[in-house]
N, C-alpha and C. Protein backbone atom coordinates (compact mmCIF):
# COMPACT_ATOMS: atom_id res chain seq x y z
N MET A 1 123.91 137.50 119.17
CA MET A 1 124.85 136.82 119.92
C MET A 1 124.51 137.19 121.33
N THR A 2 125.15 135.98 122.26
CA THR A 2 124.32 136.16 124.08
C THR A 2 124.78 137.40 124.73
N HIS A 3 126.30 137.34 124.41
CA HIS A 3 127.80 137.76 124.94
C HIS A 3 128.50 138.27 124.54
N ALA A 4 128.54 139.01 125.77
CA ALA A 4 129.95 139.92 124.79
C ALA A 4 131.43 139.39 125.95
N ALA A 5 132.81 139.71 125.14
CA ALA A 5 133.24 139.48 126.02
C ALA A 5 134.82 140.44 125.70
N LYS A 6 135.00 141.04 126.61
CA LYS A 6 136.97 141.77 126.28
C LYS A 6 138.16 140.96 126.08
N LEU A 7 138.89 141.69 124.89
CA LEU A 7 140.44 140.13 124.64
C LEU A 7 141.15 142.26 125.51
N VAL A 8 143.07 141.54 126.10
CA VAL A 8 143.43 142.18 126.24
C VAL A 8 144.31 142.86 124.92
N TRP A 9 144.14 144.35 124.63
CA TRP A 9 144.99 144.96 123.50
C TRP A 9 145.98 144.05 123.15
N ASN A 10 146.19 143.95 122.17
CA ASN A 10 147.27 143.27 120.78
C ASN A 10 147.26 143.62 119.79
N GLU A 11 148.21 143.48 118.84
CA GLU A 11 148.39 144.04 117.68
C GLU A 11 149.21 142.76 116.59
N ASP A 12 148.77 141.62 117.05
CA ASP A 12 149.36 140.80 116.13
C ASP A 12 147.80 139.67 115.53
N ASN A 13 147.10 140.37 115.89
CA ASN A 13 145.07 139.64 115.66
C ASN A 13 145.11 138.50 116.70
N TRP A 14 145.64 138.92 117.67
CA TRP A 14 145.28 137.60 118.86
C TRP A 14 145.92 136.26 118.41
N VAL A 15 147.59 136.47 117.19
CA VAL A 15 147.86 135.18 117.11
C VAL A 15 148.92 135.23 118.06
N LYS A 16 149.68 135.55 118.33
CA LYS A 16 151.22 136.27 119.21
C LYS A 16 150.75 136.89 120.22
N PRO A 17 151.60 136.79 121.13
CA PRO A 17 151.16 137.89 122.31
C PRO A 17 152.41 139.21 121.75
N SER A 18 151.69 140.52 121.76
CA SER A 18 152.79 141.80 121.27
C SER A 18 153.92 142.29 122.61
N GLY A 19 153.09 142.08 123.88
CA GLY A 19 154.19 142.61 124.57
C GLY A 19 153.36 143.85 125.72
N LEU A 20 152.33 143.95 124.36
CA LEU A 20 151.33 145.34 125.37
C LEU A 20 149.70 145.35 126.23
N ALA A 21 150.35 143.96 126.82
CA ALA A 21 148.46 144.00 127.42
C ALA A 21 148.57 144.60 128.32
N GLN A 22 147.43 145.68 129.07
CA GLN A 22 147.92 146.47 130.07
C GLN A 22 147.66 145.82 131.90
N VAL A 23 146.71 144.40 131.11
CA VAL A 23 146.23 143.62 132.72
C VAL A 23 147.07 142.26 132.15
N GLY A 24 146.63 140.97 132.87
CA GLY A 24 147.45 139.06 132.51
C GLY A 24 148.28 139.29 133.60
N VAL A 25 148.92 138.21 133.08
CA VAL A 25 150.53 137.57 134.18
C VAL A 25 151.61 138.75 133.78
N SER A 26 152.07 139.15 134.53
CA SER A 26 152.97 140.33 134.72
C SER A 26 154.76 139.09 134.64
N VAL A 27 155.79 139.65 133.98
CA VAL A 27 156.92 139.33 133.41
C VAL A 27 157.75 140.17 133.93
N PRO A 28 158.73 140.12 134.97
CA PRO A 28 160.00 141.24 135.28
C PRO A 28 160.88 140.98 134.66
N ALA A 29 160.68 141.76 132.90
CA ALA A 29 161.85 141.60 132.29
C ALA A 29 162.73 142.59 132.42
N THR A 30 163.69 143.00 131.80
CA THR A 30 164.51 144.25 131.61
C THR A 30 163.68 144.84 131.44
N GLU A 31 162.36 145.11 130.04
CA GLU A 31 161.51 145.87 130.27
C GLU A 31 160.18 145.32 130.74
N PRO A 32 159.50 145.14 131.97
CA PRO A 32 158.93 144.27 132.02
C PRO A 32 157.59 144.59 131.10
N TYR A 33 156.66 144.20 131.19
CA TYR A 33 155.64 143.32 130.76
C TYR A 33 154.46 142.68 131.01
N LYS A 34 153.35 142.54 130.51
CA LYS A 34 151.81 141.84 130.78
C LYS A 34 151.72 140.36 129.47
N TYR A 35 151.39 139.83 129.50
CA TYR A 35 150.49 138.25 128.56
C TYR A 35 149.17 138.59 129.06
N GLY A 36 148.41 138.11 128.55
CA GLY A 36 146.75 137.68 128.61
C GLY A 36 146.90 136.17 127.67
N LEU A 37 146.69 135.05 128.19
CA LEU A 37 146.57 134.03 127.40
C LEU A 37 145.83 133.62 126.63
N GLU A 38 144.57 135.01 126.36
CA GLU A 38 143.78 134.98 124.85
C GLU A 38 144.84 135.23 123.77
N GLU A 39 146.20 136.00 123.99
CA GLU A 39 146.53 136.53 122.95
C GLU A 39 146.49 135.34 121.99
N TRP A 40 146.61 134.15 122.17
CA TRP A 40 147.22 133.01 121.07
C TRP A 40 145.48 132.58 121.19
N LEU A 41 144.61 133.18 121.03
CA LEU A 41 143.41 132.72 121.09
C LEU A 41 143.12 132.53 119.09
N ASN A 42 143.61 133.27 118.37
CA ASN A 42 144.24 133.03 117.27
C ASN A 42 145.37 132.31 115.95
N ASN A 43 145.74 131.42 116.93
CA ASN A 43 146.41 130.74 117.19
C ASN A 43 146.21 129.66 115.96
N GLU A 44 146.92 129.58 115.18
CA GLU A 44 146.26 128.17 113.78
C GLU A 44 146.29 127.32 114.66
N THR A 45 147.28 126.39 115.77
CA THR A 45 147.36 125.16 116.58
C THR A 45 145.50 125.54 117.41
N LEU A 46 145.89 126.00 118.00
CA LEU A 46 144.48 125.86 119.30
C LEU A 46 143.13 125.88 118.13
N ARG A 47 143.43 127.23 116.94
CA ARG A 47 142.30 126.89 116.10
C ARG A 47 141.87 125.34 115.81
N LYS A 48 142.87 124.46 115.54
CA LYS A 48 142.39 123.45 114.48
C LYS A 48 141.97 122.59 116.15
N HIS A 49 142.44 122.37 117.07
CA HIS A 49 141.47 121.76 118.28
C HIS A 49 140.28 122.67 118.57
N LYS A 50 140.10 123.62 118.11
CA LYS A 50 138.72 124.45 118.70
C LYS A 50 138.92 124.63 120.17
N ILE A 51 139.97 125.55 121.00
CA ILE A 51 139.90 125.23 121.72
C ILE A 51 140.20 127.06 122.25
N GLY A 52 140.44 127.36 123.40
CA GLY A 52 141.25 129.34 122.93
C GLY A 52 140.78 129.50 125.27
N TYR A 53 140.83 130.53 124.60
CA TYR A 53 141.13 131.37 126.12
C TYR A 53 140.53 132.84 126.34
N LEU A 54 139.31 132.61 127.48
CA LEU A 54 138.99 133.81 127.76
C LEU A 54 138.71 134.47 128.99
N ASP A 55 139.32 135.45 129.30
CA ASP A 55 139.07 135.69 130.66
C ASP A 55 137.73 135.74 131.21
N CYS A 56 136.94 136.20 130.87
CA CYS A 56 135.44 135.67 131.53
C CYS A 56 135.29 134.67 131.82
N TYR A 57 135.76 133.36 131.69
CA TYR A 57 136.11 131.66 132.08
C TYR A 57 137.04 131.19 133.26
N ARG A 58 137.45 132.48 133.59
CA ARG A 58 138.75 132.57 134.35
C ARG A 58 138.50 132.08 136.40
N SER A 59 137.76 132.80 136.73
CA SER A 59 137.59 132.90 137.86
C SER A 59 135.47 132.07 138.25
N ASP A 60 135.28 131.66 137.59
CA ASP A 60 133.82 131.09 138.01
C ASP A 60 133.47 130.42 137.21
N LYS A 61 133.00 129.34 137.84
CA LYS A 61 132.09 127.84 136.85
C LYS A 61 130.70 128.50 135.76
N ARG A 62 131.01 128.58 134.33
CA ARG A 62 129.73 128.41 133.57
C ARG A 62 129.12 127.28 133.03
N GLU A 63 127.60 127.14 133.84
CA GLU A 63 127.21 125.90 132.52
C GLU A 63 126.89 126.32 131.17
N GLY A 64 126.53 125.77 130.30
CA GLY A 64 126.14 126.20 128.91
C GLY A 64 127.07 126.43 128.22
N ILE A 65 126.07 126.64 127.12
CA ILE A 65 126.60 127.14 125.81
C ILE A 65 126.55 128.71 125.58
N ALA A 66 127.64 129.62 125.31
CA ALA A 66 127.55 130.60 124.90
C ALA A 66 127.60 130.65 123.33
N ASP A 67 127.00 131.84 122.61
CA ASP A 67 128.15 132.68 121.33
C ASP A 67 128.58 134.09 122.19
N ILE A 68 129.56 134.47 121.55
CA ILE A 68 130.15 135.75 122.39
C ILE A 68 130.65 136.59 121.68
N MET A 69 130.27 137.56 121.40
CA MET A 69 130.78 139.01 120.29
C MET A 69 132.64 139.66 120.85
N LEU A 70 133.31 139.09 120.55
CA LEU A 70 134.76 139.74 120.88
C LEU A 70 135.02 141.17 121.33
N PHE A 71 135.22 141.59 122.13
CA PHE A 71 135.90 143.39 121.73
C PHE A 71 137.19 143.59 122.10
N THR A 72 137.70 144.95 122.20
CA THR A 72 138.92 144.99 122.75
C THR A 72 139.10 146.67 122.80
N LEU A 73 139.82 147.28 123.66
CA LEU A 73 139.79 148.76 123.96
C LEU A 73 141.22 148.77 123.11
N ASN A 74 141.51 149.90 122.22
CA ASN A 74 142.35 150.56 121.26
C ASN A 74 142.89 151.44 122.36
N LEU A 75 144.38 151.00 122.40
CA LEU A 75 145.01 152.27 123.74
C LEU A 75 145.05 153.45 122.60
N THR A 76 145.63 153.12 121.35
CA THR A 76 145.97 154.96 120.53
C THR A 76 145.15 155.78 120.58
N ASP A 77 143.44 155.22 120.07
CA ASP A 77 142.48 155.77 120.47
C ASP A 77 141.73 155.47 121.00
N ARG A 78 141.54 155.01 122.21
CA ARG A 78 140.34 154.84 123.18
C ARG A 78 139.22 154.53 123.22
N ASN A 79 139.07 153.66 121.69
CA ASN A 79 137.97 153.77 120.79
C ASN A 79 137.29 152.23 121.86
N VAL A 80 136.75 151.45 122.09
CA VAL A 80 135.99 150.38 122.15
C VAL A 80 135.77 149.65 120.69
N TYR A 81 136.45 148.47 120.45
CA TYR A 81 136.05 147.85 118.71
C TYR A 81 135.40 146.56 118.91
N HIS A 82 134.77 146.15 117.87
CA HIS A 82 134.33 144.63 117.98
C HIS A 82 135.35 143.66 116.98
N VAL A 83 136.10 142.70 117.26
CA VAL A 83 136.91 142.44 116.49
C VAL A 83 136.80 141.30 116.22
N GLY A 84 135.63 140.34 116.38
CA GLY A 84 135.44 139.19 116.28
C GLY A 84 134.11 138.01 116.79
N ASN A 85 133.79 137.20 116.67
CA ASN A 85 132.94 136.51 117.73
C ASN A 85 133.83 134.94 117.63
N VAL A 86 132.93 134.55 119.15
CA VAL A 86 133.49 133.32 119.35
C VAL A 86 132.10 132.47 119.06
N CYS A 87 131.51 131.46 118.61
CA CYS A 87 130.17 130.72 118.83
C CYS A 87 130.31 129.44 119.64
N GLY A 88 129.40 128.97 119.98
CA GLY A 88 129.59 127.30 120.49
C GLY A 88 130.82 127.15 121.71
N VAL A 89 130.37 128.06 122.70
CA VAL A 89 131.48 128.10 123.75
C VAL A 89 131.09 127.25 125.16
N LYS A 90 132.00 126.88 125.59
CA LYS A 90 131.37 125.51 126.26
C LYS A 90 133.41 126.04 126.98
N GLN A 91 132.46 126.16 128.71
CA GLN A 91 133.77 125.55 130.08
C GLN A 91 134.20 124.67 129.43
N LEU A 92 135.65 124.50 130.04
CA LEU A 92 136.39 123.83 129.84
C LEU A 92 136.30 123.39 131.51
N ILE A 93 136.94 121.69 131.66
CA ILE A 93 136.68 121.25 132.69
C ILE A 93 138.11 121.04 133.21
N ASP A 94 138.44 120.52 135.08
CA ASP A 94 139.78 120.05 135.04
C ASP A 94 140.17 118.88 134.08
N ASN A 95 139.61 118.04 133.65
CA ASN A 95 140.40 116.56 133.50
C ASN A 95 139.59 116.45 132.19
N ASP A 96 139.89 118.08 131.21
CA ASP A 96 140.24 118.19 130.01
C ASP A 96 141.60 118.06 130.07
N ILE A 97 142.74 118.50 130.78
CA ILE A 97 143.60 119.15 130.76
C ILE A 97 144.65 117.61 130.28
N PRO A 98 144.76 117.21 131.16
CA PRO A 98 145.63 115.91 130.62
C PRO A 98 145.72 115.05 128.62
N THR A 99 144.29 115.62 128.19
CA THR A 99 144.05 115.46 127.35
C THR A 99 143.99 116.64 126.03
N ILE A 100 144.17 117.67 126.44
CA ILE A 100 144.71 118.96 125.75
C ILE A 100 146.22 118.83 125.87
N LYS A 101 146.87 118.55 126.52
CA LYS A 101 148.32 118.44 126.76
C LYS A 101 149.23 117.53 126.27
N ASN A 102 147.92 116.09 126.01
CA ASN A 102 148.67 115.52 125.07
C ASN A 102 148.60 115.44 123.56
N SER A 103 147.53 116.49 123.22
CA SER A 103 147.31 116.96 121.47
C SER A 103 148.42 117.91 121.43
N LEU A 104 148.68 118.94 122.32
CA LEU A 104 149.87 119.93 122.11
C LEU A 104 150.82 119.17 121.91
N THR A 105 151.19 118.53 122.61
CA THR A 105 152.59 117.89 123.01
C THR A 105 153.91 118.92 123.60
N ASP A 106 154.60 118.41 123.95
CA ASP A 106 155.96 119.50 124.39
C ASP A 106 156.15 120.69 123.09
N ASP A 107 155.82 119.94 122.20
CA ASP A 107 156.45 121.23 121.37
C ASP A 107 155.75 122.82 121.09
N TRP A 108 154.84 122.79 121.80
CA TRP A 108 153.67 123.89 122.10
C TRP A 108 154.91 124.78 122.71
N LEU A 109 156.05 124.03 123.48
CA LEU A 109 156.18 125.37 125.10
C LEU A 109 157.15 125.79 123.84
N ILE A 110 158.10 124.35 123.26
CA ILE A 110 159.57 125.67 122.45
C ILE A 110 158.34 126.77 121.13
N ASN A 111 158.29 126.18 120.79
CA ASN A 111 157.40 127.66 119.41
C ASN A 111 155.69 126.62 119.50
N PRO A 112 154.91 127.62 119.88
CA PRO A 112 155.29 129.02 119.55
C PRO A 112 155.71 130.02 121.25
N ILE A 113 155.34 129.22 122.02
CA ILE A 113 155.56 129.96 123.43
C ILE A 113 157.65 130.40 123.57
N GLU A 114 157.80 129.43 123.79
CA GLU A 114 159.24 130.01 124.27
C GLU A 114 159.85 130.93 122.79
N VAL A 115 159.12 130.74 121.58
CA VAL A 115 159.79 131.62 120.46
C VAL A 115 158.66 133.16 120.50
N ASP A 116 158.13 133.04 121.40
CA ASP A 116 157.28 134.41 121.07
C ASP A 116 157.99 135.44 122.52
N PHE A 117 158.17 134.53 123.64
CA PHE A 117 158.99 135.78 124.34
C PHE A 117 159.85 135.89 124.39
N VAL A 118 161.07 134.80 123.12
CA VAL A 118 162.34 135.75 123.13
C VAL A 118 161.66 136.61 122.34
N ARG A 119 161.39 136.85 121.23
CA ARG A 119 160.41 137.65 120.26
C ARG A 119 160.53 138.58 121.32
N ILE A 120 159.48 139.04 122.19
CA ILE A 120 159.20 140.48 122.79
C ILE A 120 159.87 140.84 123.46
N GLU A 121 160.88 140.10 124.19
CA GLU A 121 161.82 140.00 125.26
C GLU A 121 163.49 140.17 124.73
N ALA A 122 163.61 140.20 123.13
CA ALA A 122 164.18 140.60 122.54
C ALA A 122 165.87 139.73 122.60
N GLY A 123 165.35 138.55 123.73
CA GLY A 123 167.23 137.92 124.22
C GLY A 123 166.43 136.86 124.45
N ALA A 124 167.19 135.93 124.23
CA ALA A 124 167.35 134.26 125.34
C ALA A 124 168.21 134.44 126.43
N PRO A 125 167.80 134.21 127.17
CA PRO A 125 167.14 132.52 127.87
C PRO A 125 165.27 133.76 128.30
N SER A 126 164.91 133.14 127.89
CA SER A 126 162.93 134.02 128.25
C SER A 126 163.03 134.29 129.91
N ILE A 127 162.76 134.77 130.40
CA ILE A 127 161.94 135.63 131.89
C ILE A 127 160.61 135.11 131.37
N GLY A 128 159.82 135.08 130.36
CA GLY A 128 158.51 134.56 130.52
C GLY A 128 158.20 133.51 130.42
N MET A 129 159.10 132.51 130.17
CA MET A 129 158.63 131.26 129.32
C MET A 129 158.48 130.37 130.96
N PRO A 130 159.88 130.39 131.99
CA PRO A 130 159.24 129.66 133.61
C PRO A 130 158.37 129.99 133.93
N ILE A 131 157.52 131.51 134.02
CA ILE A 131 156.17 132.04 134.46
C ILE A 131 154.95 131.38 133.66
N TYR A 132 155.18 131.23 132.30
CA TYR A 132 154.19 130.50 131.49
C TYR A 132 153.94 128.75 131.69
N ASN A 133 155.27 128.60 131.98
CA ASN A 133 155.30 127.04 132.26
C ASN A 133 154.81 126.87 134.11
N ASN A 134 155.10 127.80 134.79
CA ASN A 134 154.62 126.74 136.54
C ASN A 134 153.21 127.18 136.08
N ASN A 135 152.82 128.63 135.64
CA ASN A 135 151.49 128.65 136.45
C ASN A 135 150.48 128.59 134.72
N ASN A 136 150.65 128.39 133.83
CA ASN A 136 149.66 127.87 133.02
C ASN A 136 150.24 127.24 132.14
N TRP A 137 150.88 126.30 132.34
CA TRP A 137 150.92 124.98 132.07
C TRP A 137 150.70 123.49 132.98
N ASN A 138 152.23 123.30 133.63
CA ASN A 138 152.07 122.92 134.97
C ASN A 138 150.64 123.02 135.14
N THR A 139 149.66 123.30 135.76
CA THR A 139 148.90 122.95 136.50
C THR A 139 147.17 122.54 136.48
N THR A 140 146.74 121.77 137.31
CA THR A 140 145.86 121.36 136.94
C THR A 140 143.74 121.94 137.15
N ASN A 141 144.30 122.86 136.71
CA ASN A 141 143.06 123.63 137.36
C ASN A 141 142.98 124.55 136.55
N ILE A 142 141.50 124.24 135.51
CA ILE A 142 140.96 125.59 134.71
C ILE A 142 140.32 126.94 135.10
N ILE A 143 140.01 126.73 136.31
CA ILE A 143 139.50 127.98 137.21
C ILE A 143 140.07 127.97 138.37
N SER A 144 140.81 129.39 138.11
CA SER A 144 141.94 129.57 138.98
C SER A 144 142.19 131.37 139.73
N PRO A 145 142.72 131.84 140.25
CA PRO A 145 142.55 133.12 140.58
C PRO A 145 144.21 133.30 139.68
N PRO A 146 144.28 135.33 138.78
CA PRO A 146 145.59 135.32 138.30
C PRO A 146 147.05 135.22 139.13
N PRO A 147 147.88 134.63 138.42
CA PRO A 147 148.29 134.65 137.35
C PRO A 147 148.18 132.41 136.91
N LYS A 148 147.37 132.41 137.77
CA LYS A 148 147.38 130.74 137.77
C LYS A 148 146.13 130.34 136.36
N GLY A 149 146.02 129.52 136.49
CA GLY A 149 145.15 129.59 135.72
C GLY A 149 145.55 127.96 134.32
N PHE A 150 145.05 127.37 133.90
CA PHE A 150 146.17 125.82 132.79
C PHE A 150 145.37 127.35 131.15
N MET A 151 146.11 127.39 130.17
CA MET A 151 146.35 128.26 129.22
C MET A 151 145.30 128.25 128.05
N VAL A 152 144.61 127.04 128.66
CA VAL A 152 143.08 127.37 127.38
C VAL A 152 141.86 127.29 128.57
N ASN A 153 140.62 127.83 128.62
CA ASN A 153 139.37 127.31 129.13
C ASN A 153 138.48 127.48 128.35
N ILE A 154 138.84 127.50 127.35
CA ILE A 154 136.63 127.29 126.51
C ILE A 154 137.64 126.15 125.26
N LYS A 155 136.82 125.30 125.24
CA LYS A 155 136.07 125.09 123.39
C LYS A 155 134.88 125.39 123.23
N TYR A 156 135.07 125.49 121.59
CA TYR A 156 134.24 126.18 120.57
C TYR A 156 133.50 125.64 119.62
N GLU A 157 132.98 125.92 118.74
CA GLU A 157 132.42 125.67 117.57
C GLU A 157 133.10 126.16 116.69
N LYS A 158 133.06 127.73 116.41
CA LYS A 158 133.65 128.65 116.06
C LYS A 158 134.46 129.68 116.32
N LEU A 159 135.30 130.29 115.43
CA LEU A 159 135.77 131.47 115.98
C LEU A 159 136.43 132.28 114.50
N GLU A 160 136.39 133.90 115.21
CA GLU A 160 136.10 134.92 113.88
C GLU A 160 136.64 136.15 114.38
N ILE A 161 137.82 135.59 113.63
CA ILE A 161 138.46 137.16 114.66
C ILE A 161 138.86 137.82 112.76
N PHE A 162 138.44 139.20 113.43
CA PHE A 162 138.30 140.46 112.58
C PHE A 162 139.55 140.40 111.85
N ASP A 163 140.30 140.53 110.47
CA ASP A 163 141.40 142.15 109.75
C ASP A 163 141.20 143.03 110.95
N LYS A 164 142.21 143.45 111.19
CA LYS A 164 142.13 144.90 111.46
C LYS A 164 141.53 146.15 110.75
N SER A 165 141.70 145.82 108.98
CA SER A 165 140.55 146.74 108.51
C SER A 165 139.29 146.34 108.77
N LYS A 166 138.96 145.86 109.51
CA LYS A 166 137.28 145.72 109.46
C LYS A 166 136.94 145.62 111.09
N TRP A 167 137.58 146.25 111.13
CA TRP A 167 136.84 146.14 112.54
C TRP A 167 135.96 147.23 112.73
N VAL A 168 135.71 147.06 113.69
CA VAL A 168 133.43 148.34 114.54
C VAL A 168 134.31 148.92 115.49
N ASN A 169 133.81 150.14 115.19
CA ASN A 169 134.19 151.21 116.22
C ASN A 169 132.80 151.64 116.87
N LEU A 170 132.55 150.54 118.06
CA LEU A 170 131.69 150.79 118.22
C LEU A 170 131.43 152.38 119.56
N THR A 171 132.89 152.79 119.95
CA THR A 171 132.53 154.39 120.30
C THR A 171 132.03 155.17 119.43
N GLU A 172 132.05 154.89 118.76
CA GLU A 172 131.84 156.27 117.21
C GLU A 172 130.20 155.81 117.49
N MET A 173 129.40 154.47 117.93
CA MET A 173 128.03 154.50 117.45
C MET A 173 127.22 155.39 119.17
N ASP A 174 127.73 154.65 120.47
CA ASP A 174 128.49 155.94 121.30
C ASP A 174 128.71 155.64 122.11
N ARG A 175 129.19 156.50 122.57
CA ARG A 175 130.06 156.61 124.04
C ARG A 175 129.72 155.98 125.57
N LYS A 176 129.32 155.53 125.74
CA LYS A 176 128.27 154.69 127.21
C LYS A 176 129.43 153.61 126.94
N ILE A 177 129.13 152.70 125.98
CA ILE A 177 130.42 151.17 125.56
C ILE A 177 131.02 151.35 126.02
N ASN A 178 132.17 152.45 126.57
CA ASN A 178 133.93 152.28 127.39
C ASN A 178 133.36 152.50 128.85
N ARG A 179 131.61 153.19 129.12
CA ARG A 179 131.34 152.52 130.69
C ARG A 179 130.79 151.73 130.50
N SER A 180 130.49 150.91 129.56
CA SER A 180 129.08 150.18 130.32
C SER A 180 130.36 148.30 129.84
N TRP A 181 131.25 148.03 129.13
CA TRP A 181 132.19 147.89 128.69
C TRP A 181 133.66 148.19 129.46
N ARG A 182 133.91 147.60 129.98
CA ARG A 182 135.85 147.66 130.64
C ARG A 182 136.22 146.97 130.90
N TYR A 183 135.92 145.89 131.58
CA TYR A 183 136.41 144.59 132.21
C TYR A 183 136.98 143.64 131.58
N LEU A 184 138.10 143.10 131.65
CA LEU A 184 139.02 141.81 131.07
C LEU A 184 137.69 140.46 131.74
N GLY A 185 137.79 140.17 133.19
CA GLY A 185 137.12 139.23 133.65
C GLY A 185 135.63 138.87 133.57
N VAL A 186 134.99 139.88 133.42
CA VAL A 186 133.02 140.13 132.91
C VAL A 186 133.21 139.48 131.26
N ARG A 187 132.03 138.27 131.45
CA ARG A 187 130.67 138.39 130.44
C ARG A 187 129.84 138.72 130.61
N TYR A 188 129.17 139.32 129.84
CA TYR A 188 128.45 140.50 129.28
C TYR A 188 127.01 140.05 128.66
N MET A 189 126.17 140.29 129.64
CA MET A 189 124.99 140.05 128.74
C MET A 189 124.27 141.03 127.39
N MET A 190 124.28 140.26 126.67
CA MET A 190 123.86 141.46 125.46
C MET A 190 122.63 142.86 125.98
N SER A 191 121.50 141.72 126.70
CA SER A 191 120.27 142.18 126.92
C SER A 191 120.81 143.05 127.50
N ASN A 192 121.05 142.87 128.34
CA ASN A 192 121.01 144.01 129.73
C ASN A 192 121.99 145.35 129.30
N ILE A 193 122.06 145.95 128.00
CA ILE A 193 122.80 147.17 128.03
C ILE A 193 122.13 148.09 127.61
N ASN A 194 122.45 149.39 128.38
CA ASN A 194 121.34 150.40 128.33
C ASN A 194 122.23 151.39 126.75
N LEU A 195 121.53 151.60 125.48
CA LEU A 195 122.50 152.08 124.62
C LEU A 195 121.44 152.63 123.73
N ASN A 196 122.23 153.92 122.80
CA ASN A 196 121.68 154.20 121.76
C ASN A 196 120.79 153.50 120.91
N ASP A 197 120.25 153.65 120.09
CA ASP A 197 119.65 153.14 119.10
C ASP A 197 119.84 152.80 117.93
N LYS A 198 121.05 153.37 117.52
CA LYS A 198 122.09 152.88 116.21
C LYS A 198 123.07 151.44 116.81
N LEU A 199 124.19 151.55 118.12
CA LEU A 199 124.02 150.65 118.88
C LEU A 199 123.14 149.98 118.75
N THR A 200 122.69 149.82 119.53
CA THR A 200 120.99 148.56 120.05
C THR A 200 121.17 147.65 118.45
N LYS A 201 121.18 148.32 117.63
CA LYS A 201 120.59 147.96 116.19
C LYS A 201 122.27 146.67 115.54
N TYR A 202 122.69 148.14 115.82
CA TYR A 202 123.67 146.90 115.17
C TYR A 202 124.20 145.60 116.03
N LEU A 203 124.20 146.11 117.86
CA LEU A 203 124.47 144.67 118.35
C LEU A 203 123.38 143.53 117.85
N LYS A 204 122.67 144.13 118.05
CA LYS A 204 121.39 142.68 117.08
C LYS A 204 121.32 141.80 116.31
N ASN A 205 121.63 142.53 115.18
CA ASN A 205 122.92 142.24 114.19
C ASN A 205 124.00 141.09 114.00
N VAL A 206 124.63 140.95 115.09
CA VAL A 206 125.18 140.50 115.47
C VAL A 206 125.05 138.62 115.41
N ASN A 207 125.72 137.42 114.71
CA ASN A 207 125.29 136.43 114.62
C ASN A 207 126.36 135.56 114.47
N CYS A 208 126.29 134.45 114.49
CA CYS A 208 126.93 133.23 114.11
C CYS A 208 127.05 132.91 112.49
């Protein structure tokens, strides 16, 4: 792996949003919550098209192709976990947006998007749906400050999201990882991290 990237906390295997993200797009519902666009990363439709969203590709133009280890911070035990890998990652460009929207069609906005927001909010009409529609669907920009930005920003060759029973606790190997890998919008260089031998060896053996 060449890089590592953080995913917002999700209890649905990044197939759909859980309503538990600590950072992301804010929804001022009866019980306010946030959603991260990467919470649909493991959605079946997006997997079929080999497209998705990583926050570390939101704010800057990134050249080339990367293999990325995915991690998250468990909000229950406060440990960092290796939860998957995405390989052959390339940032999308603005001109890709019309083609992607045509391939998904407006059905995407009904199911899963509206269905997911109604589930989180426990009622219809959804408050989150027009926010997503305005900021993350009806936009012409891949690179944009939050909450704006298109709903996908990468294409890839291979995605693997582990079952929760197979998550690897990185904090148990070296607690420094909690301080070293903290931020959602950063694409971390795997070679630029100072960790103990156990975790360093594990990270060197992560591959696609």
